[in-house]
Amino acid sequence: MIVIGILVASVASFLASAALYAIPAVSALIARTATPRPGLPVVVQMLSVLLRSILASVLIAGLMLAADWHGPATGAALGLALSTLPLILLMGGVVHENTALSAAGVHLLDWIIKLTLIGVIIGLFL
C-alpha cells in the first residue's frame, strides 16, 4: 500500500510543481532570473523533477514508517519541517552563487508545497 502512496505522492508533487511554474508571473520571473542549462532536453529536465519527487516521497515515507507516525496532519508537519533543507541550500545559492532572491523564493515555495503535499498523501496511506 505504501508503494502506491509513494507513486501517488510523486505524481501529485510533480503536477503541483508544474502548476506553480505554469503561472504566468512565475514563469516570467524564472525566465528573467534563471539561466537554462544548454543542451539539456526538456524531457530530461521533467524526468529529473519526477525523480526528485520520488526521492522526496520515499524519504518522507521512510521517516514516517521509522517513527511509526500516521495520518495526513503528521505527514504535513513532517513535510513542512523538511522544507528547511531546501531553504538552507537556496540560501547558499543566493549568498554564494548570486541566485536571484526572487527566483530562490519561488523555488522554496515549490519545495514547501511539494514536501507538504507529499507528507499529506503519504500520511493517508499510513
N, C-alpha and C. Protein backbone atom coordinates (compact mmCIF):
# COMPACT_ATOMS: atom_id res chain seq x y z
N MET A 1 0.82 -1.20 0.00
CA MET A 1 0.00 0.00 0.00
C MET A 1 0.87 1.26 0.00
N ILE A 2 1.98 1.23 0.73
CA ILE A 2 2.84 2.42 0.81
C ILE A 2 3.46 2.73 -0.55
N VAL A 3 3.73 1.70 -1.35
CA VAL A 3 4.29 1.94 -2.69
C VAL A 3 3.30 2.75 -3.53
N ILE A 4 2.03 2.42 -3.42
CA ILE A 4 1.01 3.19 -4.14
C ILE A 4 1.00 4.63 -3.63
N GLY A 5 1.10 4.81 -2.32
CA GLY A 5 1.16 6.15 -1.74
C GLY A 5 2.35 6.95 -2.27
N ILE A 6 3.49 6.28 -2.38
CA ILE A 6 4.69 6.95 -2.90
C ILE A 6 4.47 7.37 -4.35
N LEU A 7 3.89 6.49 -5.15
CA LEU A 7 3.63 6.83 -6.55
C LEU A 7 2.63 7.97 -6.68
N VAL A 8 1.54 7.90 -5.91
CA VAL A 8 0.52 8.96 -5.95
C VAL A 8 1.14 10.29 -5.50
N ALA A 9 1.90 10.26 -4.41
CA ALA A 9 2.52 11.48 -3.89
C ALA A 9 3.51 12.06 -4.89
N SER A 10 4.26 11.19 -5.56
CA SER A 10 5.26 11.66 -6.53
C SER A 10 4.59 12.35 -7.72
N VAL A 11 3.54 11.75 -8.24
CA VAL A 11 2.83 12.34 -9.38
C VAL A 11 2.15 13.64 -8.96
N ALA A 12 1.50 13.64 -7.79
CA ALA A 12 0.83 14.85 -7.31
C ALA A 12 1.83 15.98 -7.10
N SER A 13 2.99 15.64 -6.56
CA SER A 13 4.04 16.64 -6.35
C SER A 13 4.51 17.22 -7.68
N PHE A 14 4.73 16.35 -8.65
CA PHE A 14 5.15 16.78 -9.98
C PHE A 14 4.12 17.72 -10.60
N LEU A 15 2.84 17.35 -10.49
CA LEU A 15 1.77 18.18 -11.07
C LEU A 15 1.65 19.52 -10.34
N ALA A 16 1.81 19.52 -9.02
CA ALA A 16 1.74 20.77 -8.26
C ALA A 16 2.87 21.70 -8.66
N SER A 17 4.05 21.13 -8.86
CA SER A 17 5.20 21.92 -9.29
C SER A 17 4.96 22.49 -10.69
N ALA A 18 4.45 21.66 -11.58
CA ALA A 18 4.16 22.12 -12.94
C ALA A 18 3.13 23.25 -12.92
N ALA A 19 2.12 23.12 -12.06
CA ALA A 19 1.10 24.16 -11.95
C ALA A 19 1.69 25.47 -11.45
N LEU A 20 2.57 25.39 -10.46
CA LEU A 20 3.20 26.60 -9.93
C LEU A 20 4.00 27.32 -11.02
N TYR A 21 4.86 26.57 -11.71
CA TYR A 21 5.72 27.19 -12.71
C TYR A 21 4.96 27.59 -13.98
N ALA A 22 3.72 27.11 -14.14
CA ALA A 22 2.89 27.50 -15.29
C ALA A 22 2.17 28.82 -15.05
N ILE A 23 2.16 29.30 -13.82
CA ILE A 23 1.54 30.60 -13.54
C ILE A 23 2.34 31.65 -14.31
N PRO A 24 1.69 32.47 -15.13
CA PRO A 24 2.43 33.40 -15.99
C PRO A 24 3.44 34.28 -15.25
N ALA A 25 3.07 34.83 -14.12
CA ALA A 25 4.00 35.70 -13.38
C ALA A 25 5.21 34.91 -12.89
N VAL A 26 5.00 33.68 -12.49
CA VAL A 26 6.10 32.84 -12.00
C VAL A 26 7.01 32.45 -13.16
N SER A 27 6.44 32.00 -14.26
CA SER A 27 7.28 31.60 -15.39
C SER A 27 8.04 32.79 -15.96
N ALA A 28 7.44 33.97 -15.95
CA ALA A 28 8.15 35.17 -16.43
C ALA A 28 9.31 35.51 -15.50
N LEU A 29 9.08 35.42 -14.20
CA LEU A 29 10.14 35.72 -13.24
C LEU A 29 11.31 34.74 -13.40
N ILE A 30 11.00 33.46 -13.51
CA ILE A 30 12.06 32.46 -13.67
C ILE A 30 12.79 32.67 -14.99
N ALA A 31 12.07 33.00 -16.05
CA ALA A 31 12.71 33.25 -17.35
C ALA A 31 13.67 34.43 -17.27
N ARG A 32 13.32 35.45 -16.47
CA ARG A 32 14.18 36.63 -16.33
C ARG A 32 15.40 36.38 -15.45
N THR A 33 15.27 35.50 -14.46
CA THR A 33 16.30 35.40 -13.43
C THR A 33 17.12 34.12 -13.46
N ALA A 34 16.76 33.17 -14.31
CA ALA A 34 17.48 31.90 -14.34
C ALA A 34 18.11 31.69 -15.71
N THR A 35 19.18 30.93 -15.72
CA THR A 35 19.85 30.59 -16.96
C THR A 35 19.64 29.11 -17.22
N PRO A 36 18.86 28.76 -18.26
CA PRO A 36 18.65 27.34 -18.54
C PRO A 36 19.96 26.65 -18.92
N ARG A 37 20.06 25.41 -18.58
CA ARG A 37 21.26 24.65 -18.92
C ARG A 37 21.19 24.30 -20.41
N PRO A 38 22.18 24.73 -21.18
CA PRO A 38 22.13 24.48 -22.63
C PRO A 38 22.28 22.99 -22.93
N GLY A 39 21.54 22.55 -23.94
CA GLY A 39 21.68 21.19 -24.42
C GLY A 39 20.94 20.13 -23.62
N LEU A 40 20.25 20.52 -22.56
CA LEU A 40 19.50 19.54 -21.76
C LEU A 40 18.05 19.55 -22.21
N PRO A 41 17.60 18.49 -22.86
CA PRO A 41 16.24 18.46 -23.38
C PRO A 41 15.20 18.61 -22.26
N VAL A 42 14.07 19.20 -22.62
CA VAL A 42 13.00 19.43 -21.65
C VAL A 42 12.54 18.11 -21.03
N VAL A 43 12.49 17.04 -21.82
CA VAL A 43 12.04 15.76 -21.28
C VAL A 43 12.98 15.27 -20.18
N VAL A 44 14.27 15.49 -20.33
CA VAL A 44 15.24 15.10 -19.29
C VAL A 44 15.03 15.96 -18.05
N GLN A 45 14.77 17.24 -18.25
CA GLN A 45 14.51 18.12 -17.11
C GLN A 45 13.26 17.66 -16.35
N MET A 46 12.21 17.30 -17.07
CA MET A 46 10.96 16.87 -16.43
C MET A 46 11.15 15.53 -15.71
N LEU A 47 11.92 14.63 -16.31
CA LEU A 47 12.21 13.36 -15.64
C LEU A 47 13.01 13.60 -14.36
N SER A 48 13.88 14.59 -14.38
CA SER A 48 14.64 14.96 -13.18
C SER A 48 13.71 15.45 -12.07
N VAL A 49 12.72 16.26 -12.44
CA VAL A 49 11.74 16.76 -11.46
C VAL A 49 10.96 15.58 -10.88
N LEU A 50 10.54 14.66 -11.73
CA LEU A 50 9.80 13.49 -11.26
C LEU A 50 10.67 12.61 -10.35
N LEU A 51 11.92 12.42 -10.71
CA LEU A 51 12.83 11.63 -9.88
C LEU A 51 13.01 12.27 -8.51
N ARG A 52 13.16 13.58 -8.46
CA ARG A 52 13.30 14.27 -7.17
C ARG A 52 12.02 14.11 -6.34
N SER A 53 10.88 14.12 -6.99
CA SER A 53 9.62 13.90 -6.28
C SER A 53 9.55 12.49 -5.70
N ILE A 54 10.00 11.52 -6.48
CA ILE A 54 10.02 10.13 -6.00
C ILE A 54 10.96 10.01 -4.80
N LEU A 55 12.14 10.59 -4.90
CA LEU A 55 13.10 10.52 -3.79
C LEU A 55 12.55 11.17 -2.53
N ALA A 56 11.91 12.32 -2.69
CA ALA A 56 11.31 13.01 -1.53
C ALA A 56 10.18 12.17 -0.94
N SER A 57 9.39 11.53 -1.78
CA SER A 57 8.29 10.69 -1.30
C SER A 57 8.82 9.48 -0.53
N VAL A 58 9.86 8.86 -1.05
CA VAL A 58 10.47 7.71 -0.37
C VAL A 58 11.06 8.15 0.97
N LEU A 59 11.71 9.31 1.00
CA LEU A 59 12.28 9.82 2.25
C LEU A 59 11.19 10.04 3.29
N ILE A 60 10.14 10.73 2.92
CA ILE A 60 9.06 11.02 3.87
C ILE A 60 8.38 9.73 4.32
N ALA A 61 8.15 8.80 3.40
CA ALA A 61 7.54 7.52 3.77
C ALA A 61 8.45 6.76 4.74
N GLY A 62 9.74 6.74 4.44
CA GLY A 62 10.69 6.04 5.31
C GLY A 62 10.75 6.64 6.70
N LEU A 63 10.78 7.97 6.78
CA LEU A 63 10.82 8.62 8.09
C LEU A 63 9.54 8.37 8.88
N MET A 64 8.41 8.44 8.19
CA MET A 64 7.14 8.20 8.89
C MET A 64 7.02 6.75 9.36
N LEU A 65 7.47 5.82 8.54
CA LEU A 65 7.45 4.41 8.94
C LEU A 65 8.39 4.17 10.12
N ALA A 66 9.60 4.72 10.04
CA ALA A 66 10.59 4.51 11.11
C ALA A 66 10.11 5.09 12.44
N ALA A 67 9.42 6.21 12.37
CA ALA A 67 8.94 6.87 13.59
C ALA A 67 7.57 6.35 14.03
N ASP A 68 6.98 5.47 13.23
CA ASP A 68 5.63 4.95 13.48
C ASP A 68 4.61 6.09 13.55
N TRP A 69 4.76 7.05 12.63
CA TRP A 69 3.84 8.18 12.54
C TRP A 69 2.79 7.87 11.48
N HIS A 70 1.59 8.34 11.73
CA HIS A 70 0.48 8.05 10.82
C HIS A 70 -0.37 9.30 10.63
N GLY A 71 -1.04 9.36 9.49
CA GLY A 71 -2.02 10.40 9.25
C GLY A 71 -1.51 11.57 8.44
N PRO A 72 -2.43 12.23 7.74
CA PRO A 72 -2.06 13.34 6.87
C PRO A 72 -1.54 14.57 7.62
N ALA A 73 -2.06 14.84 8.81
CA ALA A 73 -1.58 16.02 9.55
C ALA A 73 -0.13 15.83 9.98
N THR A 74 0.20 14.63 10.44
CA THR A 74 1.58 14.34 10.83
C THR A 74 2.49 14.40 9.60
N GLY A 75 2.01 13.86 8.48
CA GLY A 75 2.79 13.91 7.25
C GLY A 75 3.01 15.34 6.78
N ALA A 76 1.98 16.17 6.88
CA ALA A 76 2.12 17.58 6.50
C ALA A 76 3.14 18.28 7.39
N ALA A 77 3.09 18.01 8.69
CA ALA A 77 4.05 18.63 9.62
C ALA A 77 5.47 18.20 9.29
N LEU A 78 5.66 16.92 8.98
CA LEU A 78 6.99 16.44 8.61
C LEU A 78 7.46 17.09 7.32
N GLY A 79 6.60 17.13 6.32
CA GLY A 79 6.97 17.77 5.05
C GLY A 79 7.33 19.22 5.23
N LEU A 80 6.55 19.92 6.03
CA LEU A 80 6.85 21.33 6.29
C LEU A 80 8.18 21.49 7.02
N ALA A 81 8.43 20.62 8.00
CA ALA A 81 9.71 20.67 8.73
C ALA A 81 10.89 20.40 7.79
N LEU A 82 10.71 19.46 6.88
CA LEU A 82 11.79 19.14 5.93
C LEU A 82 12.04 20.27 4.94
N SER A 83 11.12 21.21 4.84
CA SER A 83 11.31 22.36 3.94
C SER A 83 12.49 23.23 4.36
N THR A 84 12.96 23.05 5.57
CA THR A 84 14.15 23.81 6.00
C THR A 84 15.38 23.40 5.19
N LEU A 85 15.42 22.17 4.71
CA LEU A 85 16.59 21.72 3.95
C LEU A 85 16.73 22.46 2.61
N PRO A 86 15.67 22.57 1.79
CA PRO A 86 15.81 23.39 0.59
C PRO A 86 16.09 24.85 0.92
N LEU A 87 15.54 25.35 2.03
CA LEU A 87 15.82 26.73 2.44
C LEU A 87 17.31 26.93 2.64
N ILE A 88 17.94 26.00 3.34
CA ILE A 88 19.38 26.09 3.59
C ILE A 88 20.16 26.08 2.28
N LEU A 89 19.80 25.18 1.37
CA LEU A 89 20.50 25.09 0.09
C LEU A 89 20.28 26.34 -0.76
N LEU A 90 19.05 26.84 -0.78
CA LEU A 90 18.76 28.03 -1.58
C LEU A 90 19.43 29.27 -1.00
N MET A 91 19.55 29.34 0.32
CA MET A 91 20.28 30.46 0.93
C MET A 91 21.73 30.47 0.46
N GLY A 92 22.31 29.28 0.35
CA GLY A 92 23.67 29.18 -0.16
C GLY A 92 23.77 29.67 -1.59
N GLY A 93 22.77 29.34 -2.40
CA GLY A 93 22.75 29.82 -3.78
C GLY A 93 22.65 31.33 -3.87
N VAL A 94 21.84 31.92 -3.01
CA VAL A 94 21.68 33.38 -3.00
C VAL A 94 22.98 34.04 -2.55
N VAL A 95 23.56 33.53 -1.48
CA VAL A 95 24.75 34.16 -0.90
C VAL A 95 26.00 33.92 -1.73
N HIS A 96 26.20 32.68 -2.18
CA HIS A 96 27.48 32.32 -2.81
C HIS A 96 27.46 32.29 -4.33
N GLU A 97 26.29 32.14 -4.94
CA GLU A 97 26.22 31.97 -6.39
C GLU A 97 25.41 33.04 -7.08
N ASN A 98 25.02 34.07 -6.33
CA ASN A 98 24.28 35.20 -6.87
C ASN A 98 22.94 34.79 -7.48
N THR A 99 22.33 33.74 -6.93
CA THR A 99 20.98 33.37 -7.35
C THR A 99 20.04 34.51 -6.95
N ALA A 100 19.17 34.89 -7.86
CA ALA A 100 18.22 35.97 -7.56
C ALA A 100 17.33 35.56 -6.39
N LEU A 101 17.15 36.46 -5.45
CA LEU A 101 16.33 36.19 -4.27
C LEU A 101 14.91 35.82 -4.68
N SER A 102 14.39 36.50 -5.69
CA SER A 102 13.01 36.21 -6.14
C SER A 102 12.91 34.79 -6.70
N ALA A 103 13.90 34.37 -7.47
CA ALA A 103 13.89 33.00 -8.01
C ALA A 103 14.03 31.98 -6.89
N ALA A 104 14.92 32.25 -5.95
CA ALA A 104 15.08 31.35 -4.81
C ALA A 104 13.78 31.24 -4.02
N GLY A 105 13.07 32.35 -3.90
CA GLY A 105 11.78 32.34 -3.20
C GLY A 105 10.76 31.46 -3.89
N VAL A 106 10.73 31.51 -5.21
CA VAL A 106 9.81 30.65 -5.97
C VAL A 106 10.19 29.19 -5.79
N HIS A 107 11.48 28.89 -5.88
CA HIS A 107 11.93 27.51 -5.71
C HIS A 107 11.63 27.01 -4.30
N LEU A 108 11.79 27.88 -3.31
CA LEU A 108 11.46 27.49 -1.93
C LEU A 108 9.97 27.21 -1.80
N LEU A 109 9.14 28.08 -2.35
CA LEU A 109 7.70 27.86 -2.32
C LEU A 109 7.35 26.52 -2.97
N ASP A 110 8.00 26.23 -4.09
CA ASP A 110 7.79 24.97 -4.78
C ASP A 110 8.07 23.79 -3.85
N TRP A 111 9.20 23.85 -3.14
CA TRP A 111 9.56 22.75 -2.23
C TRP A 111 8.64 22.69 -1.02
N ILE A 112 8.21 23.82 -0.51
CA ILE A 112 7.27 23.80 0.62
C ILE A 112 5.97 23.11 0.20
N ILE A 113 5.47 23.49 -0.97
CA ILE A 113 4.24 22.87 -1.48
C ILE A 113 4.45 21.37 -1.70
N LYS A 114 5.54 21.02 -2.39
CA LYS A 114 5.80 19.61 -2.70
C LYS A 114 5.94 18.76 -1.45
N LEU A 115 6.78 19.19 -0.53
CA LEU A 115 7.05 18.36 0.65
C LEU A 115 5.82 18.24 1.55
N THR A 116 5.07 19.33 1.67
CA THR A 116 3.86 19.27 2.49
C THR A 116 2.82 18.37 1.83
N LEU A 117 2.63 18.52 0.53
CA LEU A 117 1.68 17.68 -0.20
C LEU A 117 2.08 16.21 -0.13
N ILE A 118 3.35 15.93 -0.34
CA ILE A 118 3.84 14.55 -0.24
C ILE A 118 3.55 13.99 1.15
N GLY A 119 3.83 14.78 2.18
CA GLY A 119 3.57 14.33 3.55
C GLY A 119 2.10 14.00 3.78
N VAL A 120 1.23 14.86 3.30
CA VAL A 120 -0.22 14.62 3.45
C VAL A 120 -0.61 13.31 2.76
N ILE A 121 -0.16 13.14 1.54
CA ILE A 121 -0.55 11.94 0.77
C ILE A 121 0.04 10.68 1.39
N ILE A 122 1.32 10.71 1.74
CA ILE A 122 1.92 9.54 2.39
C ILE A 122 1.18 9.24 3.69
N GLY A 123 0.84 10.28 4.44
CA GLY A 123 0.10 10.09 5.69
C GLY A 123 -1.25 9.42 5.49
N LEU A 124 -1.87 9.66 4.35
CA LEU A 124 -3.15 9.00 4.05
C LEU A 124 -2.98 7.49 3.85
N PHE A 125 -1.78 7.08 3.47
CA PHE A 125 -1.52 5.66 3.22
C PHE A 125 -0.92 4.95 4.43
N LEU A 126 -0.66 5.68 5.50
CA LEU A 126 -0.08 5.06 6.71
C LEU A 126 -1.07 5.10 7.85
